[in-house]
Amino acid sequence: MSSTHIFHVEMTCEGCSGAVERVLNRLKGQGVDAVAISLPEQKVSVTSTLSADQLLEVIKKTGKTTTYVGTH
């Protein structure tokens, strides 16, 4: 069953949000169903069957400071 996990990611520009989107989109069909990014809010929502910890590790690969906010 999928859950929507919310993360706060320090993104300052579209390049930053694009990097986050790319790493998450690589997992589409492998546990990630949907990705929504709000640059003004520095918020990333991921609908996924993966755990929050797994997703956090993936997002951290971008080098961005990331914190888990909770499920939606």
PDB file of N, CA and C in Angstrom:
ATOM      1  N   MET A   1       0.835  -1.193   0.000  1.00  0.00           N
ATOM      2  CA  MET A   1       0.000   0.000   0.000  1.00  0.00           C
ATOM      3  C   MET A   1       0.879   1.256   0.000  1.00  0.00           C
ATOM      4  N   SER A   2       0.516   2.216  -0.790  1.00  0.00           N
ATOM      5  CA  SER A   2       1.301   3.450  -0.889  1.00  0.00           C
ATOM      6  C   SER A   2       0.916   4.445   0.197  1.00  0.00           C
ATOM      7  N   SER A   3       1.915   5.188   0.639  1.00  0.00           N
ATOM      8  CA  SER A   3       1.703   6.306   1.550  1.00  0.00           C
ATOM      9  C   SER A   3       2.348   7.526   0.920  1.00  0.00           C
ATOM     10  N   THR A   4       1.854   8.714   1.302  1.00  0.00           N
ATOM     11  CA  THR A   4       2.484   9.941   0.826  1.00  0.00           C
ATOM     12  C   THR A   4       3.342  10.503   1.951  1.00  0.00           C
ATOM     13  N   HIS A   5       4.640  10.548   1.705  1.00  0.00           N
ATOM     14  CA  HIS A   5       5.600  11.042   2.692  1.00  0.00           C
ATOM     15  C   HIS A   5       6.005  12.456   2.321  1.00  0.00           C
ATOM     16  N   ILE A   6       6.096  13.317   3.328  1.00  0.00           N
ATOM     17  CA  ILE A   6       6.453  14.717   3.112  1.00  0.00           C
ATOM     18  C   ILE A   6       7.856  14.960   3.681  1.00  0.00           C
ATOM     19  N   PHE A   7       8.697  15.607   2.883  1.00  0.00           N
ATOM     20  CA  PHE A   7      10.056  15.937   3.313  1.00  0.00           C
ATOM     21  C   PHE A   7      10.296  17.426   3.124  1.00  0.00           C
ATOM     22  N   HIS A   8      11.086  18.004   4.026  1.00  0.00           N
ATOM     23  CA  HIS A   8      11.540  19.387   3.859  1.00  0.00           C
ATOM     24  C   HIS A   8      12.955  19.287   3.308  1.00  0.00           C
ATOM     25  N   VAL A   9      13.170  19.860   2.123  1.00  0.00           N
ATOM     26  CA  VAL A   9      14.464  19.780   1.454  1.00  0.00           C
ATOM     27  C   VAL A   9      14.941  21.188   1.154  1.00  0.00           C
ATOM     28  N   GLU A  10      16.183  21.500   1.544  1.00  0.00           N
ATOM     29  CA  GLU A  10      16.733  22.829   1.270  1.00  0.00           C
ATOM     30  C   GLU A  10      17.045  22.952  -0.220  1.00  0.00           C
ATOM     31  N   MET A  11      16.127  23.592  -0.940  1.00  0.00           N
ATOM     32  CA  MET A  11      16.277  23.799  -2.379  1.00  0.00           C
ATOM     33  C   MET A  11      16.206  25.297  -2.631  1.00  0.00           C
ATOM     34  N   THR A  12      17.187  25.823  -3.349  1.00  0.00           N
ATOM     35  CA  THR A  12      17.228  27.261  -3.573  1.00  0.00           C
ATOM     36  C   THR A  12      16.867  27.645  -5.000  1.00  0.00           C
ATOM     37  N   CYS A  13      16.861  26.666  -5.899  1.00  0.00           N
ATOM     38  CA  CYS A  13      16.605  26.998  -7.299  1.00  0.00           C
ATOM     39  C   CYS A  13      15.988  25.802  -8.013  1.00  0.00           C
ATOM     40  N   GLU A  14      15.600  26.013  -9.259  1.00  0.00           N
ATOM     41  CA  GLU A  14      14.987  24.925 -10.028  1.00  0.00           C
ATOM     42  C   GLU A  14      15.971  23.799 -10.294  1.00  0.00           C
ATOM     43  N   GLY A  15      17.266  24.135 -10.331  1.00  0.00           N
ATOM     44  CA  GLY A  15      18.283  23.090 -10.493  1.00  0.00           C
ATOM     45  C   GLY A  15      18.264  22.131  -9.319  1.00  0.00           C
ATOM     46  N   CYS A  16      18.075  22.692  -8.120  1.00  0.00           N
ATOM     47  CA  CYS A  16      18.006  21.872  -6.899  1.00  0.00           C
ATOM     48  C   CYS A  16      16.789  20.949  -6.940  1.00  0.00           C
ATOM     49  N   SER A  17      15.626  21.540  -7.242  1.00  0.00           N
ATOM     50  CA  SER A  17      14.406  20.726  -7.254  1.00  0.00           C
ATOM     51  C   SER A  17      14.477  19.700  -8.381  1.00  0.00           C
ATOM     52  N   GLY A  18      15.120  20.065  -9.492  1.00  0.00           N
ATOM     53  CA  GLY A  18      15.279  19.130 -10.604  1.00  0.00           C
ATOM     54  C   GLY A  18      16.126  17.930 -10.220  1.00  0.00           C
ATOM     55  N   ALA A  19      17.176  18.165  -9.425  1.00  0.00           N
ATOM     56  CA  ALA A  19      18.047  17.077  -8.972  1.00  0.00           C
ATOM     57  C   ALA A  19      17.268  16.102  -8.079  1.00  0.00           C
ATOM     58  N   VAL A  20      16.461  16.664  -7.186  1.00  0.00           N
ATOM     59  CA  VAL A  20      15.645  15.833  -6.286  1.00  0.00           C
ATOM     60  C   VAL A  20      14.642  15.020  -7.104  1.00  0.00           C
ATOM     61  N   GLU A  21      14.004  15.688  -8.058  1.00  0.00           N
ATOM     62  CA  GLU A  21      13.017  15.020  -8.898  1.00  0.00           C
ATOM     63  C   GLU A  21      13.654  13.880  -9.693  1.00  0.00           C
ATOM     64  N   ARG A  22      14.854  14.115 -10.214  1.00  0.00           N
ATOM     65  CA  ARG A  22      15.543  13.078 -11.008  1.00  0.00           C
ATOM     66  C   ARG A  22      15.837  11.830 -10.193  1.00  0.00           C
ATOM     67  N   VAL A  23      16.380  11.991  -8.971  1.00  0.00           N
ATOM     68  CA  VAL A  23      16.722  10.800  -8.185  1.00  0.00           C
ATOM     69  C   VAL A  23      15.465  10.016  -7.795  1.00  0.00           C
ATOM     70  N   LEU A  24      14.371  10.728  -7.536  1.00  0.00           N
ATOM     71  CA  LEU A  24      13.129  10.044  -7.160  1.00  0.00           C
ATOM     72  C   LEU A  24      12.466   9.402  -8.376  1.00  0.00           C
ATOM     73  N   ASN A  25      12.524  10.070  -9.523  1.00  0.00           N
ATOM     74  CA  ASN A  25      11.902   9.518 -10.727  1.00  0.00           C
ATOM     75  C   ASN A  25      12.587   8.236 -11.190  1.00  0.00           C
ATOM     76  N   ARG A  26      13.856   8.069 -10.826  1.00  0.00           N
ATOM     77  CA  ARG A  26      14.562   6.816 -11.158  1.00  0.00           C
ATOM     78  C   ARG A  26      13.907   5.621 -10.480  1.00  0.00           C
ATOM     79  N   LEU A  27      13.188   5.872  -9.403  1.00  0.00           N
ATOM     80  CA  LEU A  27      12.546   4.791  -8.650  1.00  0.00           C
ATOM     81  C   LEU A  27      11.081   4.583  -9.036  1.00  0.00           C
ATOM     82  N   LYS A  28      10.617   5.326 -10.042  1.00  0.00           N
ATOM     83  CA  LYS A  28       9.226   5.120 -10.497  1.00  0.00           C
ATOM     84  C   LYS A  28       9.099   3.694 -11.000  1.00  0.00           C
ATOM     85  N   GLY A  29       8.051   3.016 -10.561  1.00  0.00           N
ATOM     86  CA  GLY A  29       7.860   1.620 -10.930  1.00  0.00           C
ATOM     87  C   GLY A  29       8.630   0.675 -10.024  1.00  0.00           C
ATOM     88  N   GLN A  30       9.440   1.232  -9.129  1.00  0.00           N
ATOM     89  CA  GLN A  30      10.193   0.417  -8.167  1.00  0.00           C
ATOM     90  C   GLN A  30       9.847   0.843  -6.750  1.00  0.00           C
ATOM     91  N   GLY A  31       8.612   1.280  -6.573  1.00  0.00           N
ATOM     92  CA  GLY A  31       8.177   1.693  -5.236  1.00  0.00           C
ATOM     93  C   GLY A  31       7.712   3.131  -5.172  1.00  0.00           C
ATOM     94  N   VAL A  32       8.155   3.960  -6.119  1.00  0.00           N
ATOM     95  CA  VAL A  32       7.714   5.360  -6.140  1.00  0.00           C
ATOM     96  C   VAL A  32       6.604   5.513  -7.174  1.00  0.00           C
ATOM     97  N   ASP A  33       5.449   6.018  -6.732  1.00  0.00           N
ATOM     98  CA  ASP A  33       4.305   6.204  -7.630  1.00  0.00           C
ATOM     99  C   ASP A  33       4.227   7.623  -8.163  1.00  0.00           C
ATOM    100  N   ALA A  34       4.467   8.600  -7.287  1.00  0.00           N
ATOM    101  CA  ALA A  34       4.313  10.002  -7.696  1.00  0.00           C
ATOM    102  C   ALA A  34       5.231  10.888  -6.866  1.00  0.00           C
ATOM    103  N   VAL A  35       5.680  11.989  -7.490  1.00  0.00           N
ATOM    104  CA  VAL A  35       6.546  12.959  -6.832  1.00  0.00           C
ATOM    105  C   VAL A  35       5.971  14.351  -7.076  1.00  0.00           C
ATOM    106  N   ALA A  36       5.823  15.146  -6.025  1.00  0.00           N
ATOM    107  CA  ALA A  36       5.376  16.533  -6.164  1.00  0.00           C
ATOM    108  C   ALA A  36       6.345  17.410  -5.385  1.00  0.00           C
ATOM    109  N   ILE A  37       6.857  18.456  -6.042  1.00  0.00           N
ATOM    110  CA  ILE A  37       7.841  19.325  -5.410  1.00  0.00           C
ATOM    111  C   ILE A  37       7.339  20.762  -5.399  1.00  0.00           C
ATOM    112  N   SER A  38       7.400  21.390  -4.219  1.00  0.00           N
ATOM    113  CA  SER A  38       7.060  22.806  -4.098  1.00  0.00           C
ATOM    114  C   SER A  38       8.339  23.543  -3.730  1.00  0.00           C
ATOM    115  N   LEU A  39       8.910  24.247  -4.711  1.00  0.00           N
ATOM    116  CA  LEU A  39      10.146  24.995  -4.458  1.00  0.00           C
ATOM    117  C   LEU A  39       9.940  26.128  -3.443  1.00  0.00           C
ATOM    118  N   PRO A  40       8.850  26.936  -3.544  1.00  0.00           N
ATOM    119  CA  PRO A  40       8.659  28.016  -2.555  1.00  0.00           C
ATOM    120  C   PRO A  40       8.561  27.504  -1.118  1.00  0.00           C
ATOM    121  N   GLU A  41       7.930  26.352  -0.940  1.00  0.00           N
ATOM    122  CA  GLU A  41       7.768  25.783   0.408  1.00  0.00           C
ATOM    123  C   GLU A  41       8.933  24.872   0.780  1.00  0.00           C
ATOM    124  N   GLN A  42       9.816  24.587  -0.183  1.00  0.00           N
ATOM    125  CA  GLN A  42      10.915  23.638   0.003  1.00  0.00           C
ATOM    126  C   GLN A  42      10.375  22.303   0.505  1.00  0.00           C
ATOM    127  N   LYS A  43       9.303  21.858  -0.148  1.00  0.00           N
ATOM    128  CA  LYS A  43       8.605  20.649   0.278  1.00  0.00           C
ATOM    129  C   LYS A  43       8.585  19.627  -0.853  1.00  0.00           C
ATOM    130  N   VAL A  44       8.851  18.390  -0.503  1.00  0.00           N
ATOM    131  CA  VAL A  44       8.796  17.289  -1.469  1.00  0.00           C
ATOM    132  C   VAL A  44       7.815  16.254  -0.940  1.00  0.00           C
ATOM    133  N   SER A  45       6.803  15.930  -1.751  1.00  0.00           N
ATOM    134  CA  SER A  45       5.826  14.894  -1.391  1.00  0.00           C
ATOM    135  C   SER A  45       6.081  13.695  -2.298  1.00  0.00           C
ATOM    136  N   VAL A  46       6.201  12.532  -1.685  1.00  0.00           N
ATOM    137  CA  VAL A  46       6.459  11.313  -2.451  1.00  0.00           C
ATOM    138  C   VAL A  46       5.420  10.272  -2.091  1.00  0.00           C
ATOM    139  N   THR A  47       4.655   9.827  -3.085  1.00  0.00           N
ATOM    140  CA  THR A  47       3.708   8.736  -2.878  1.00  0.00           C
ATOM    141  C   THR A  47       4.446   7.459  -3.248  1.00  0.00           C
ATOM    142  N   SER A  48       4.579   6.569  -2.255  1.00  0.00           N
ATOM    143  CA  SER A  48       5.470   5.426  -2.437  1.00  0.00           C
ATOM    144  C   SER A  48       5.129   4.287  -1.491  1.00  0.00           C
ATOM    145  N   THR A  49       5.556   3.081  -1.886  1.00  0.00           N
ATOM    146  CA  THR A  49       5.456   1.930  -0.993  1.00  0.00           C
ATOM    147  C   THR A  49       6.749   1.780  -0.195  1.00  0.00           C
ATOM    148  N   LEU A  50       7.774   2.569  -0.534  1.00  0.00           N
ATOM    149  CA  LEU A  50       9.043   2.533   0.201  1.00  0.00           C
ATOM    150  C   LEU A  50       8.873   3.224   1.547  1.00  0.00           C
ATOM    151  N   SER A  51       9.752   2.892   2.484  1.00  0.00           N
ATOM    152  CA  SER A  51       9.682   3.515   3.807  1.00  0.00           C
ATOM    153  C   SER A  51      10.227   4.934   3.748  1.00  0.00           C
ATOM    154  N   ALA A  52       9.857   5.729   4.739  1.00  0.00           N
ATOM    155  CA  ALA A  52      10.351   7.105   4.830  1.00  0.00           C
ATOM    156  C   ALA A  52      11.872   7.110   4.903  1.00  0.00           C
ATOM    157  N   ASP A  53      12.455   6.159   5.624  1.00  0.00           N
ATOM    158  CA  ASP A  53      13.915   6.085   5.755  1.00  0.00           C
ATOM    159  C   ASP A  53      14.578   5.818   4.407  1.00  0.00           C
ATOM    160  N   GLN A  54      13.992   4.916   3.623  1.00  0.00           N
ATOM    161  CA  GLN A  54      14.548   4.620   2.299  1.00  0.00           C
ATOM    162  C   GLN A  54      14.502   5.859   1.410  1.00  0.00           C
ATOM    163  N   LEU A  55      13.378   6.555   1.427  1.00  0.00           N
ATOM    164  CA  LEU A  55      13.222   7.752   0.607  1.00  0.00           C
ATOM    165  C   LEU A  55      14.172   8.857   1.064  1.00  0.00           C
ATOM    166  N   LEU A  56      14.348   8.985   2.376  1.00  0.00           N
ATOM    167  CA  LEU A  56      15.248   9.995   2.926  1.00  0.00           C
ATOM    168  C   LEU A  56      16.669   9.773   2.415  1.00  0.00           C
ATOM    169  N   GLU A  57      17.110   8.512   2.404  1.00  0.00           N
ATOM    170  CA  GLU A  57      18.453   8.195   1.905  1.00  0.00           C
ATOM    171  C   GLU A  57      18.596   8.566   0.435  1.00  0.00           C
ATOM    172  N   VAL A  58      17.559   8.307  -0.347  1.00  0.00           N
ATOM    173  CA  VAL A  58      17.589   8.622  -1.781  1.00  0.00           C
ATOM    174  C   VAL A  58      17.706  10.130  -1.978  1.00  0.00           C
ATOM    175  N   ILE A  59      16.877  10.906  -1.271  1.00  0.00           N
ATOM    176  CA  ILE A  59      16.899  12.361  -1.429  1.00  0.00           C
ATOM    177  C   ILE A  59      18.235  12.934  -0.957  1.00  0.00           C
ATOM    178  N   LYS A  60      18.791  12.364   0.122  1.00  0.00           N
ATOM    179  CA  LYS A  60      20.065  12.863   0.656  1.00  0.00           C
ATOM    180  C   LYS A  60      21.214  12.667  -0.329  1.00  0.00           C
ATOM    181  N   LYS A  61      21.067  11.754  -1.279  1.00  0.00           N
ATOM    182  CA  LYS A  61      22.110  11.545  -2.294  1.00  0.00           C
ATOM    183  C   LYS A  61      22.325  12.798  -3.138  1.00  0.00           C
ATOM    184  N   THR A  62      21.357  13.714  -3.141  1.00  0.00           N
ATOM    185  CA  THR A  62      21.498  14.955  -3.894  1.00  0.00           C
ATOM    186  C   THR A  62      22.408  15.940  -3.162  1.00  0.00           C
ATOM    187  N   GLY A  63      22.728  15.647  -1.898  1.00  0.00           N
ATOM    188  CA  GLY A  63      23.561  16.547  -1.113  1.00  0.00           C
ATOM    189  C   GLY A  63      22.773  17.645  -0.419  1.00  0.00           C
ATOM    190  N   LYS A  64      21.449  17.605  -0.574  1.00  0.00           N
ATOM    191  CA  LYS A  64      20.593  18.629   0.043  1.00  0.00           C
ATOM    192  C   LYS A  64      20.278  18.245   1.492  1.00  0.00           C
ATOM    193  N   THR A  65      20.189  19.242   2.351  1.00  0.00           N
ATOM    194  CA  THR A  65      19.771  18.998   3.729  1.00  0.00           C
ATOM    195  C   THR A  65      18.289  18.636   3.698  1.00  0.00           C
ATOM    196  N   THR A  66      17.979  17.449   4.200  1.00  0.00           N
ATOM    197  CA  THR A  66      16.618  16.911   4.101  1.00  0.00           C
ATOM    198  C   THR A  66      16.136  16.445   5.464  1.00  0.00           C
ATOM    199  N   THR A  67      14.898  16.816   5.790  1.00  0.00           N
ATOM    200  CA  THR A  67      14.292  16.303   7.015  1.00  0.00           C
ATOM    201  C   THR A  67      12.920  15.717   6.673  1.00  0.00           C
ATOM    202  N   TYR A  68      12.582  14.660   7.399  1.00  0.00           N
ATOM    203  CA  TYR A  68      11.288  14.004   7.195  1.00  0.00           C
ATOM    204  C   TYR A  68      10.243  14.742   8.018  1.00  0.00           C
ATOM    205  N   VAL A  69       9.149  15.139   7.373  1.00  0.00           N
ATOM    206  CA  VAL A  69       8.099  15.882   8.066  1.00  0.00           C
ATOM    207  C   VAL A  69       7.025  14.932   8.590  1.00  0.00           C
ATOM    208  N   GLY A  70       6.599  13.982   7.768  1.00  0.00           N
ATOM    209  CA  GLY A  70       5.566  13.037   8.173  1.00  0.00           C
ATOM    210  C   GLY A  70       4.790  12.540   6.984  1.00  0.00           C
ATOM    211  N   THR A  71       3.720  11.780   7.252  1.00  0.00           N
ATOM    212  CA  THR A  71       2.886  11.295   6.157  1.00  0.00           C
ATOM    213  C   THR A  71       1.705  12.210   5.991  1.00  0.00           C
ATOM    214  N   HIS A  72       1.191  12.226   4.774  1.00  0.00           N
ATOM    215  CA  HIS A  72       0.069  13.100   4.457  1.00  0.00           C
ATOM    216  C   HIS A  72      -1.202  12.300   4.576  1.00  0.00           C
TER     217      HIS A  72
END
